[in-house]
């Protein structure tokens, strides 16, 4: 029995994208060609790998087993490439960095621009998602290094704190509490809080702050991502706890104000994470060195009450 790695890779794309058409689009192939390659893989293994009976292509029990081994095969292939690249250095290559939503939006772009200035031969890409999505990609081996807010607990990961950030309470300039020099928890009892989606580390801290303020039963709504949250707050649909780095331009433009909450939410660490068992490429190690030397976020919130 011979396992064709090209066909295995096509099969992995069908599983990941849950369909032959989506995999064909991703691979720049025709759908019949993708279907044919998967069928030939099934014939060589003498099993059915894909359940084609539903609206989406799903792996059979045998397909799930092969997909898990496939991830390990291609992770090992990436490590082989990384090992070879260690000999050639940083003259060429690719860097894919994961970032949680706030970090990936407000820290990584400027950091990667500095990185590319130093290493113009390296192609840089970034995957941005909430913590849950980033950790899933990292543990699966799709990403070598990531920068996230908060402290992941998975034992397979190495975690290193490189920066920190704080959440601030924001409101529309038209909000009744705007302009206060101090806002106490009792002042917030009748407010509606806009929280991040489940799976976001910011959501965990938002709920923690509300609990510490004695506001467990306060009115709440859910909004996906910091940009949507800012727009909703600016429209006076509620108030929100959000990263100080996400609102720099908005505060300067006067579309949002910071409510000086007392006590203030505690700061959270920003961590560089990677798998313990992964061999890093020179490009990934150079990125880690640059992040360690950064020292601060690229943009800071203006000092003083707003």
Protein backbone atom coordinates (compact mmCIF):
# COMPACT_ATOMS: atom_id res chain seq x y z
CA UNK A 1 0.00 0.00 0.00
CA UNK A 2 1.39 3.41 -1.02
CA UNK A 3 0.27 6.73 0.43
CA UNK A 4 0.50 9.55 -2.11
CA UNK A 5 1.30 12.78 -0.24
CA UNK A 6 -0.12 15.01 -2.97
CA UNK A 7 -3.46 13.24 -2.75
CA UNK A 8 -3.27 13.29 1.04
CA UNK A 9 -2.83 17.08 0.94
CA UNK A 10 -5.86 17.46 -1.35
CA UNK A 11 -7.89 15.24 0.99
CA UNK A 12 -6.82 17.41 3.95
CA UNK A 13 -8.08 20.52 2.15
CA UNK A 14 -11.45 18.87 1.47
CA UNK A 15 -11.75 18.03 5.18
CA UNK A 16 -10.65 21.50 6.33
CA UNK A 17 -12.98 23.37 3.96
CA UNK A 18 -15.83 20.82 4.25
CA UNK A 19 -16.37 20.49 0.55
CA UNK A 20 -14.85 19.67 -2.82
CA UNK A 21 -15.71 23.04 -4.40
CA UNK A 22 -14.15 25.04 -1.55
CA UNK A 23 -11.03 22.84 -1.63
CA UNK A 24 -10.78 23.24 -5.40
CA UNK A 25 -10.96 27.03 -5.03
CA UNK A 26 -8.26 26.96 -2.35
CA UNK A 27 -6.00 24.72 -4.45
CA UNK A 28 -6.66 26.45 -7.81
CA UNK A 29 -7.90 23.14 -9.21
CA UNK A 30 -11.16 22.08 -10.84
CA UNK A 31 -13.73 20.34 -8.67
CA UNK A 32 -13.69 17.14 -10.79
CA UNK A 33 -9.91 16.98 -10.45
CA UNK A 34 -10.13 17.29 -6.65
CA UNK A 35 -12.87 14.64 -6.50
CA UNK A 36 -10.82 12.33 -8.70
CA UNK A 37 -7.68 12.66 -6.57
CA UNK A 38 -9.60 11.90 -3.36
CA UNK A 39 -11.30 8.91 -5.03
CA UNK A 40 -7.94 7.54 -6.13
CA UNK A 41 -6.64 7.96 -2.56
CA UNK A 42 -9.66 6.01 -1.30
CA UNK A 43 -9.02 3.29 -3.89
CA UNK A 44 -5.37 2.97 -2.86
CA UNK A 45 -6.34 2.62 0.83
CA UNK A 46 -9.42 0.50 0.04
CA UNK A 47 -11.67 2.61 2.35
CA UNK A 48 -14.18 5.45 2.02
CA UNK A 49 -12.66 8.62 3.45
CA UNK A 50 -15.35 11.20 2.71
CA UNK A 51 -19.06 10.99 3.44
CA UNK A 52 -20.69 12.58 0.39
CA UNK A 53 -24.31 12.07 1.43
CA UNK A 54 -24.93 15.46 3.05
CA UNK A 55 -24.71 19.05 1.91
CA UNK A 56 -21.15 19.20 3.23
CA UNK A 57 -18.31 16.76 2.72
CA UNK A 58 -17.41 15.19 6.07
CA UNK A 59 -14.73 12.63 6.90
CA UNK A 60 -15.79 9.10 7.74
CA UNK A 61 -14.31 7.41 10.81
CA UNK A 62 -11.44 6.22 8.63
CA UNK A 63 -11.12 9.71 7.18
CA UNK A 64 -10.86 11.29 10.63
CA UNK A 65 -8.01 8.93 11.53
CA UNK A 66 -6.18 9.73 8.29
CA UNK A 67 -6.74 13.49 8.77
CA UNK A 68 -5.14 13.38 12.23
CA UNK A 69 -2.10 11.55 10.86
CA UNK A 70 -2.05 13.90 7.89
CA UNK A 71 -1.67 16.89 10.21
CA UNK A 72 1.33 15.22 11.82
CA UNK A 73 2.84 14.33 8.45
CA UNK A 74 2.68 17.87 7.12
CA UNK A 75 3.80 19.39 10.43
CA UNK A 76 6.86 17.18 10.25
CA UNK A 77 7.40 18.31 6.66
CA UNK A 78 7.28 21.95 7.79
CA UNK A 79 9.82 21.18 10.50
CA UNK A 80 12.08 19.59 7.90
CA UNK A 81 11.88 22.79 5.85
CA UNK A 82 12.63 24.83 8.98
CA UNK A 83 15.66 22.68 9.71
CA UNK A 84 16.98 23.21 6.19
CA UNK A 85 16.30 26.95 6.41
CA UNK A 86 18.41 27.17 9.54
CA UNK A 87 21.35 26.49 7.29
CA UNK A 88 20.44 29.19 4.76
CA UNK A 89 19.39 31.83 7.33
CA UNK A 90 17.01 34.71 6.58
CA UNK A 91 17.69 35.34 2.91
CA UNK A 92 14.26 33.98 1.97
CA UNK A 93 11.27 32.24 3.47
CA UNK A 94 7.80 32.82 4.90
CA UNK A 95 6.57 33.96 8.29
CA UNK A 96 3.02 33.25 9.48
CA UNK A 97 2.16 34.76 12.86
CA UNK A 98 -1.08 34.30 14.76
CA UNK A 99 -2.61 37.11 16.78
CA UNK A 100 -5.67 37.42 18.99
CA UNK A 101 -8.10 40.05 17.72
CA UNK A 102 -6.77 43.10 19.56
CA UNK A 103 -3.11 42.12 19.27
CA UNK A 104 -3.44 41.09 15.64
CA UNK A 105 -5.18 44.33 14.71
CA UNK A 106 -3.30 46.96 16.70
CA UNK A 107 0.17 45.51 17.39
CA UNK A 108 1.22 43.00 14.75
CA UNK A 109 0.84 45.10 11.54
CA UNK A 110 3.36 47.74 12.60
CA UNK A 111 5.64 45.11 14.13
CA UNK A 112 5.62 43.05 10.93
CA UNK A 113 6.37 46.19 8.91
CA UNK A 114 9.51 46.68 11.01
CA UNK A 115 10.33 43.00 10.59
CA UNK A 116 10.07 43.21 6.80
CA UNK A 117 12.32 46.24 6.73
CA UNK A 118 15.00 44.14 8.41
CA UNK A 119 14.30 40.96 6.40
CA UNK A 120 12.91 41.95 2.97
CA UNK A 121 13.32 38.43 1.63
CA UNK A 122 10.77 37.01 4.09
CA UNK A 123 7.09 37.01 3.11
CA UNK A 124 4.92 37.94 6.12
CA UNK A 125 1.35 36.83 6.79
CA UNK A 126 -0.85 37.09 9.87
CA UNK A 127 -3.83 35.06 11.06
CA UNK A 128 -6.17 37.06 13.30
CA UNK A 129 -8.95 35.54 15.41
CA UNK A 130 -10.13 35.36 18.98
CA UNK A 131 -7.96 33.43 21.43
CA UNK A 132 -9.86 30.20 20.91
CA UNK A 133 -9.33 30.26 17.14
CA UNK A 134 -5.63 31.19 17.39
CA UNK A 135 -4.88 28.48 19.95
CA UNK A 136 -6.66 25.90 17.82
CA UNK A 137 -4.48 26.78 14.81
CA UNK A 138 -1.34 26.80 16.95
CA UNK A 139 -2.02 23.41 18.54
CA UNK A 140 -2.88 21.95 15.12
CA UNK A 141 0.51 23.07 13.80
CA UNK A 142 -0.90 25.52 11.25
CA UNK A 143 0.89 28.42 12.99
CA UNK A 144 4.38 28.34 14.49
CA UNK A 145 4.21 31.34 16.81
CA UNK A 146 1.40 33.57 18.04
CA UNK A 147 0.87 36.63 20.21
CA UNK A 148 -2.25 36.67 22.35
CA UNK A 149 -3.77 38.60 25.23
CA UNK A 150 -4.02 36.56 28.42
CA UNK A 151 -2.34 33.35 29.53
CA UNK A 152 -3.22 30.12 27.67
CA UNK A 153 -3.36 27.02 29.87
CA UNK A 154 -2.62 24.25 27.35
CA UNK A 155 0.31 22.15 28.58
CA UNK A 156 1.67 21.75 25.01
CA UNK A 157 2.52 25.46 24.84
CA UNK A 158 5.45 27.59 25.94
CA UNK A 159 4.31 31.04 27.13
CA UNK A 160 6.41 34.19 27.51
CA UNK A 161 5.02 37.55 28.64
CA UNK A 162 6.31 40.34 26.40
CA UNK A 163 3.91 43.27 26.97
CA UNK A 164 0.80 44.15 28.92
CA UNK A 165 -2.34 46.18 28.30
CA UNK A 166 -5.36 47.45 30.18
CA UNK A 167 -9.03 47.58 29.43
CA UNK A 168 -10.74 50.97 29.61
CA UNK A 169 -14.42 51.79 29.85
CA UNK A 170 -15.67 53.67 26.80
CA UNK A 171 -18.87 55.51 25.97
CA UNK A 172 -20.36 57.85 23.41
CA UNK A 173 -19.70 61.57 24.06
CA UNK A 174 -23.50 61.84 24.34
CA UNK A 175 -23.68 59.34 27.21
CA UNK A 176 -24.92 60.78 30.55
CA UNK A 177 -21.70 59.69 32.30
CA UNK A 178 -19.40 61.38 29.75
CA UNK A 179 -17.32 64.14 31.31
CA UNK A 180 -17.30 62.68 34.83
CA UNK A 181 -13.97 62.81 36.66
CA UNK A 182 -14.75 59.50 38.36
CA UNK A 183 -17.24 56.72 37.66
CA UNK A 184 -18.04 54.28 40.48
CA UNK A 185 -19.67 50.84 40.03
CA UNK A 186 -22.99 52.11 41.42
CA UNK A 187 -23.07 54.71 38.64
CA UNK A 188 -23.06 51.89 36.08
CA UNK A 189 -25.94 49.82 37.44
CA UNK A 190 -28.43 51.10 34.85
CA UNK A 191 -26.02 50.96 31.89
CA UNK A 192 -26.01 48.36 29.12
CA UNK A 193 -22.63 46.68 28.65
CA UNK A 194 -21.52 45.41 25.24
CA UNK A 195 -19.38 42.29 25.63
CA UNK A 196 -17.13 40.44 23.18
CA UNK A 197 -18.16 37.08 21.72
CA UNK A 198 -17.61 33.81 23.65
CA UNK A 199 -14.11 32.44 23.01
CA UNK A 200 -12.55 35.90 23.31
CA UNK A 201 -10.11 36.47 26.17
CA UNK A 202 -11.42 40.03 26.40
CA UNK A 203 -14.87 38.59 27.15
CA UNK A 204 -13.41 36.70 30.13
CA UNK A 205 -11.89 39.91 31.53
CA UNK A 206 -15.06 41.90 30.87
CA UNK A 207 -17.14 39.43 32.87
CA UNK A 208 -14.49 39.36 35.60
CA UNK A 209 -14.55 43.17 35.89
CA UNK A 210 -18.35 43.25 36.07
CA UNK A 211 -18.26 40.62 38.80
CA UNK A 212 -15.66 42.58 40.79
CA UNK A 213 -17.82 45.70 40.44
CA UNK A 214 -20.86 43.82 41.75
CA UNK A 215 -22.65 44.16 38.39
CA UNK A 216 -23.36 40.48 37.64
CA UNK A 217 -26.99 41.20 36.73
CA UNK A 218 -26.41 44.32 34.65
CA UNK A 219 -27.94 44.52 31.15
CA UNK A 220 -25.65 43.00 28.51
CA UNK A 221 -25.30 42.55 24.78
CA UNK A 222 -22.77 40.64 22.65
CA UNK A 223 -20.74 42.11 19.76
CA UNK A 224 -18.11 40.33 17.65
CA UNK A 225 -14.76 42.13 17.59
CA UNK A 226 -13.47 45.48 18.87
CA UNK A 227 -14.32 47.48 15.74
CA UNK A 228 -18.00 46.50 15.86
CA UNK A 229 -18.04 47.21 19.60
CA UNK A 230 -16.63 50.70 19.03
CA UNK A 231 -19.23 51.50 16.39
CA UNK A 232 -22.05 50.36 18.67
CA UNK A 233 -20.72 52.41 21.57
CA UNK A 234 -20.28 55.48 19.35
CA UNK A 235 -23.94 55.06 18.35
CA UNK A 236 -24.82 55.12 22.08
CA UNK A 237 -26.14 51.54 22.10
CA UNK A 238 -24.21 50.79 25.26
CA UNK A 239 -20.82 51.09 26.95
CA UNK A 240 -17.91 48.68 26.74
CA UNK A 241 -14.65 47.61 28.30
CA UNK A 242 -12.09 47.47 25.51
CA UNK A 243 -8.34 47.52 25.01
CA UNK A 244 -6.81 50.96 25.41
CA UNK A 245 -4.92 50.41 22.14
CA UNK A 246 -8.10 49.85 20.15
CA UNK A 247 -9.46 53.36 20.78
CA UNK A 248 -6.48 55.69 20.33
CA UNK A 249 -7.72 57.21 17.05
CA UNK A 250 -11.35 57.28 18.20
CA UNK A 251 -10.58 59.23 21.37
CA UNK A 252 -8.43 61.68 19.45
CA UNK A 253 -11.21 62.12 16.88
CA UNK A 254 -13.78 62.71 19.63
CA UNK A 255 -16.11 59.86 18.60
CA UNK A 256 -15.52 58.00 21.88
CA UNK A 257 -14.70 59.03 25.45
CA UNK A 258 -13.07 57.11 28.27
CA UNK A 259 -15.06 56.87 31.50
CA UNK A 260 -12.58 56.97 34.43
CA UNK A 261 -13.83 53.83 36.19
CA UNK A 262 -12.81 53.33 39.81
CA UNK A 263 -11.56 50.81 40.65
CA UNK A 264 -9.95 50.33 37.25
CA UNK A 265 -9.86 46.85 35.68
CA UNK A 266 -6.59 45.07 36.28
CA UNK A 267 -4.10 44.94 33.37
CA UNK A 268 -3.60 41.73 31.42
CA UNK A 269 -0.41 40.24 29.98
CA UNK A 270 0.28 39.92 26.27
CA UNK A 271 2.07 36.64 25.63
CA UNK A 272 4.25 35.14 22.94
CA UNK A 273 3.30 31.48 22.60
CA UNK A 274 4.49 28.46 20.65
CA UNK A 275 4.33 24.69 20.82
CA UNK A 276 6.95 22.97 22.97
CA UNK A 277 7.69 20.32 20.36
CA UNK A 278 7.96 22.56 17.29
CA UNK A 279 11.27 23.37 15.65
CA UNK A 280 11.13 27.07 14.80
CA UNK A 281 12.41 28.47 11.52
CA UNK A 282 14.97 31.31 11.43
CA UNK A 283 12.15 33.64 10.34
CA UNK A 284 10.07 32.72 13.40
CA UNK A 285 13.01 33.07 15.78
CA UNK A 286 13.88 36.50 14.31
CA UNK A 287 10.27 37.60 14.85
CA UNK A 288 10.40 36.49 18.47
CA UNK A 289 13.59 38.48 19.02
CA UNK A 290 12.00 41.60 17.50
CA UNK A 291 8.90 41.27 19.67
CA UNK A 292 11.00 40.87 22.82
CA UNK A 293 12.87 44.07 21.98
CA UNK A 294 9.73 46.09 21.19
CA UNK A 295 9.20 47.22 24.78
CA UNK A 296 5.89 49.01 24.12
CA UNK A 297 2.84 49.12 21.87
CA UNK A 298 3.17 51.33 18.77
CA UNK A 299 0.39 53.72 19.84
CA UNK A 300 -0.68 54.87 23.30
CA UNK A 301 -3.88 56.43 24.62
CA UNK A 302 -3.56 60.14 25.45
CA UNK A 303 -2.87 60.66 29.14
CA UNK A 304 -5.45 62.02 31.56
CA UNK A 305 -9.25 61.86 31.67
CA UNK A 306 -11.05 62.17 28.36
